[in-house]
């Protein structure tokens, strides 16, 4: 749960995990441990919570809520998780599959524009 939340917060900030780790004084090895299921110590959790302006409870999966523009929103209901899931699946496609997805997406957008 921690890695998923940390990674989504990185995406939300427009940065990758390792550069964020460096910004708060962490090695890439620590980041790799998290990706493989590790959890940061208390001090690091506090640094991350401050960096992302979230609670430690959110980082640990104990709360679904995050502040966005001053409002508490259940993060699982934002488009960041959807973007991540789509991205993970698109990475598995070959060029033909990517082309089909692009064509399908264009057709969907065109049909929505036509309906308006």
Protein backbone atom coordinates (compact mmCIF):
# COMPACT_ATOMS: atom_id res chain seq x y z
CA UNK A 1 0.00 0.00 0.00
CA UNK A 2 2.79 2.46 0.87
CA UNK A 3 4.52 2.16 -2.51
CA UNK A 4 1.30 2.64 -4.44
CA UNK A 5 0.45 5.78 -2.50
CA UNK A 6 4.00 7.15 -2.68
CA UNK A 7 4.23 6.50 -6.43
CA UNK A 8 0.85 8.15 -7.09
CA UNK A 9 1.91 11.20 -5.09
CA UNK A 10 5.07 11.37 -7.18
CA UNK A 11 2.98 11.27 -10.37
CA UNK A 12 0.70 13.95 -8.98
CA UNK A 13 3.72 16.19 -8.38
CA UNK A 14 5.03 15.50 -11.88
CA UNK A 15 8.22 13.86 -10.63
CA UNK A 16 9.70 10.38 -10.45
CA UNK A 17 10.35 8.66 -7.08
CA UNK A 18 14.18 8.81 -7.14
CA UNK A 19 14.45 12.59 -7.69
CA UNK A 20 11.97 13.18 -4.86
CA UNK A 21 14.00 10.87 -2.65
CA UNK A 22 17.15 12.86 -3.43
CA UNK A 23 15.34 16.11 -2.63
CA UNK A 24 14.66 14.89 0.91
CA UNK A 25 18.07 13.23 1.33
CA UNK A 26 17.37 9.57 0.53
CA UNK A 27 19.31 7.10 -1.60
CA UNK A 28 17.87 5.32 -4.62
CA UNK A 29 18.49 2.05 -2.75
CA UNK A 30 15.95 3.08 -0.11
CA UNK A 31 13.42 3.88 -2.84
CA UNK A 32 14.03 0.42 -4.37
CA UNK A 33 13.35 -1.23 -1.00
CA UNK A 34 9.99 0.55 -0.86
CA UNK A 35 9.13 -0.61 -4.36
CA UNK A 36 9.79 -4.16 -3.19
CA UNK A 37 7.47 -3.87 -0.19
CA UNK A 38 9.53 -2.02 2.39
CA UNK A 39 8.13 0.78 4.51
CA UNK A 40 10.04 3.90 5.54
CA UNK A 41 10.98 4.59 9.14
CA UNK A 42 9.05 7.14 11.19
CA UNK A 43 11.39 10.06 10.47
CA UNK A 44 11.23 9.45 6.72
CA UNK A 45 7.46 9.07 6.82
CA UNK A 46 7.27 12.48 8.47
CA UNK A 47 9.52 14.01 5.78
CA UNK A 48 7.37 12.49 3.02
CA UNK A 49 4.15 13.61 4.66
CA UNK A 50 5.48 17.16 4.89
CA UNK A 51 6.85 17.08 1.33
CA UNK A 52 3.53 15.95 -0.18
CA UNK A 53 1.30 17.74 2.37
CA UNK A 54 -0.46 14.52 3.35
CA UNK A 55 -0.85 12.63 6.60
CA UNK A 56 1.34 9.72 7.64
CA UNK A 57 -1.93 7.77 7.91
CA UNK A 58 -2.54 8.39 4.21
CA UNK A 59 0.96 7.20 3.29
CA UNK A 60 0.50 4.01 5.31
CA UNK A 61 -2.93 3.25 3.85
CA UNK A 62 -4.81 3.97 7.07
CA UNK A 63 -6.78 6.84 5.53
CA UNK A 64 -8.03 7.28 1.93
CA UNK A 65 -8.10 11.09 2.16
CA UNK A 66 -5.69 13.67 0.78
CA UNK A 67 -5.92 17.45 0.56
CA UNK A 68 -6.36 18.80 -2.97
CA UNK A 69 -6.83 22.57 -3.22
CA UNK A 70 -7.71 22.64 0.48
CA UNK A 71 -10.45 20.00 0.22
CA UNK A 72 -10.21 16.44 1.47
CA UNK A 73 -10.73 14.00 -1.40
CA UNK A 74 -10.57 10.21 -1.38
CA UNK A 75 -7.46 9.73 -3.52
CA UNK A 76 -8.69 6.44 -4.93
CA UNK A 77 -11.39 8.39 -6.72
CA UNK A 78 -9.05 10.73 -8.60
CA UNK A 79 -7.75 10.24 -12.11
CA UNK A 80 -4.18 9.59 -10.94
CA UNK A 81 -4.86 5.94 -10.15
CA UNK A 82 -6.70 5.49 -13.43
CA UNK A 83 -3.79 7.08 -15.30
CA UNK A 84 -1.36 4.73 -13.55
CA UNK A 85 -3.45 1.65 -14.36
CA UNK A 86 -3.78 2.65 -18.01
CA UNK A 87 -0.06 3.38 -18.24
CA UNK A 88 0.87 -0.02 -16.76
CA UNK A 89 -1.32 -1.81 -19.30
CA UNK A 90 -0.21 0.27 -22.29
CA UNK A 91 3.41 -0.63 -21.51
CA UNK A 92 2.52 -4.28 -22.19
CA UNK A 93 1.34 -3.62 -25.76
CA UNK A 94 3.34 -4.08 -28.94
CA UNK A 95 3.26 -1.44 -31.73
CA UNK A 96 0.15 -2.94 -33.34
CA UNK A 97 -1.69 -2.91 -30.02
CA UNK A 98 -0.61 0.68 -29.35
CA UNK A 99 -1.88 1.71 -32.77
CA UNK A 100 -5.25 0.09 -32.10
CA UNK A 101 -5.54 1.80 -28.71
CA UNK A 102 -4.67 5.16 -30.30
CA UNK A 103 -7.28 4.66 -33.03
CA UNK A 104 -9.92 3.58 -30.52
CA UNK A 105 -9.17 6.53 -28.26
CA UNK A 106 -9.41 8.95 -31.19
CA UNK A 107 -12.76 7.42 -32.18
CA UNK A 108 -14.03 7.83 -28.60
CA UNK A 109 -12.97 11.47 -28.45
CA UNK A 110 -14.46 12.19 -31.89
CA UNK A 111 -17.76 10.57 -30.96
CA UNK A 112 -17.97 12.60 -27.72
CA UNK A 113 -17.23 15.82 -29.62
CA UNK A 114 -19.91 14.92 -32.15
CA UNK A 115 -22.49 14.34 -29.38
CA UNK A 116 -21.97 17.86 -27.98
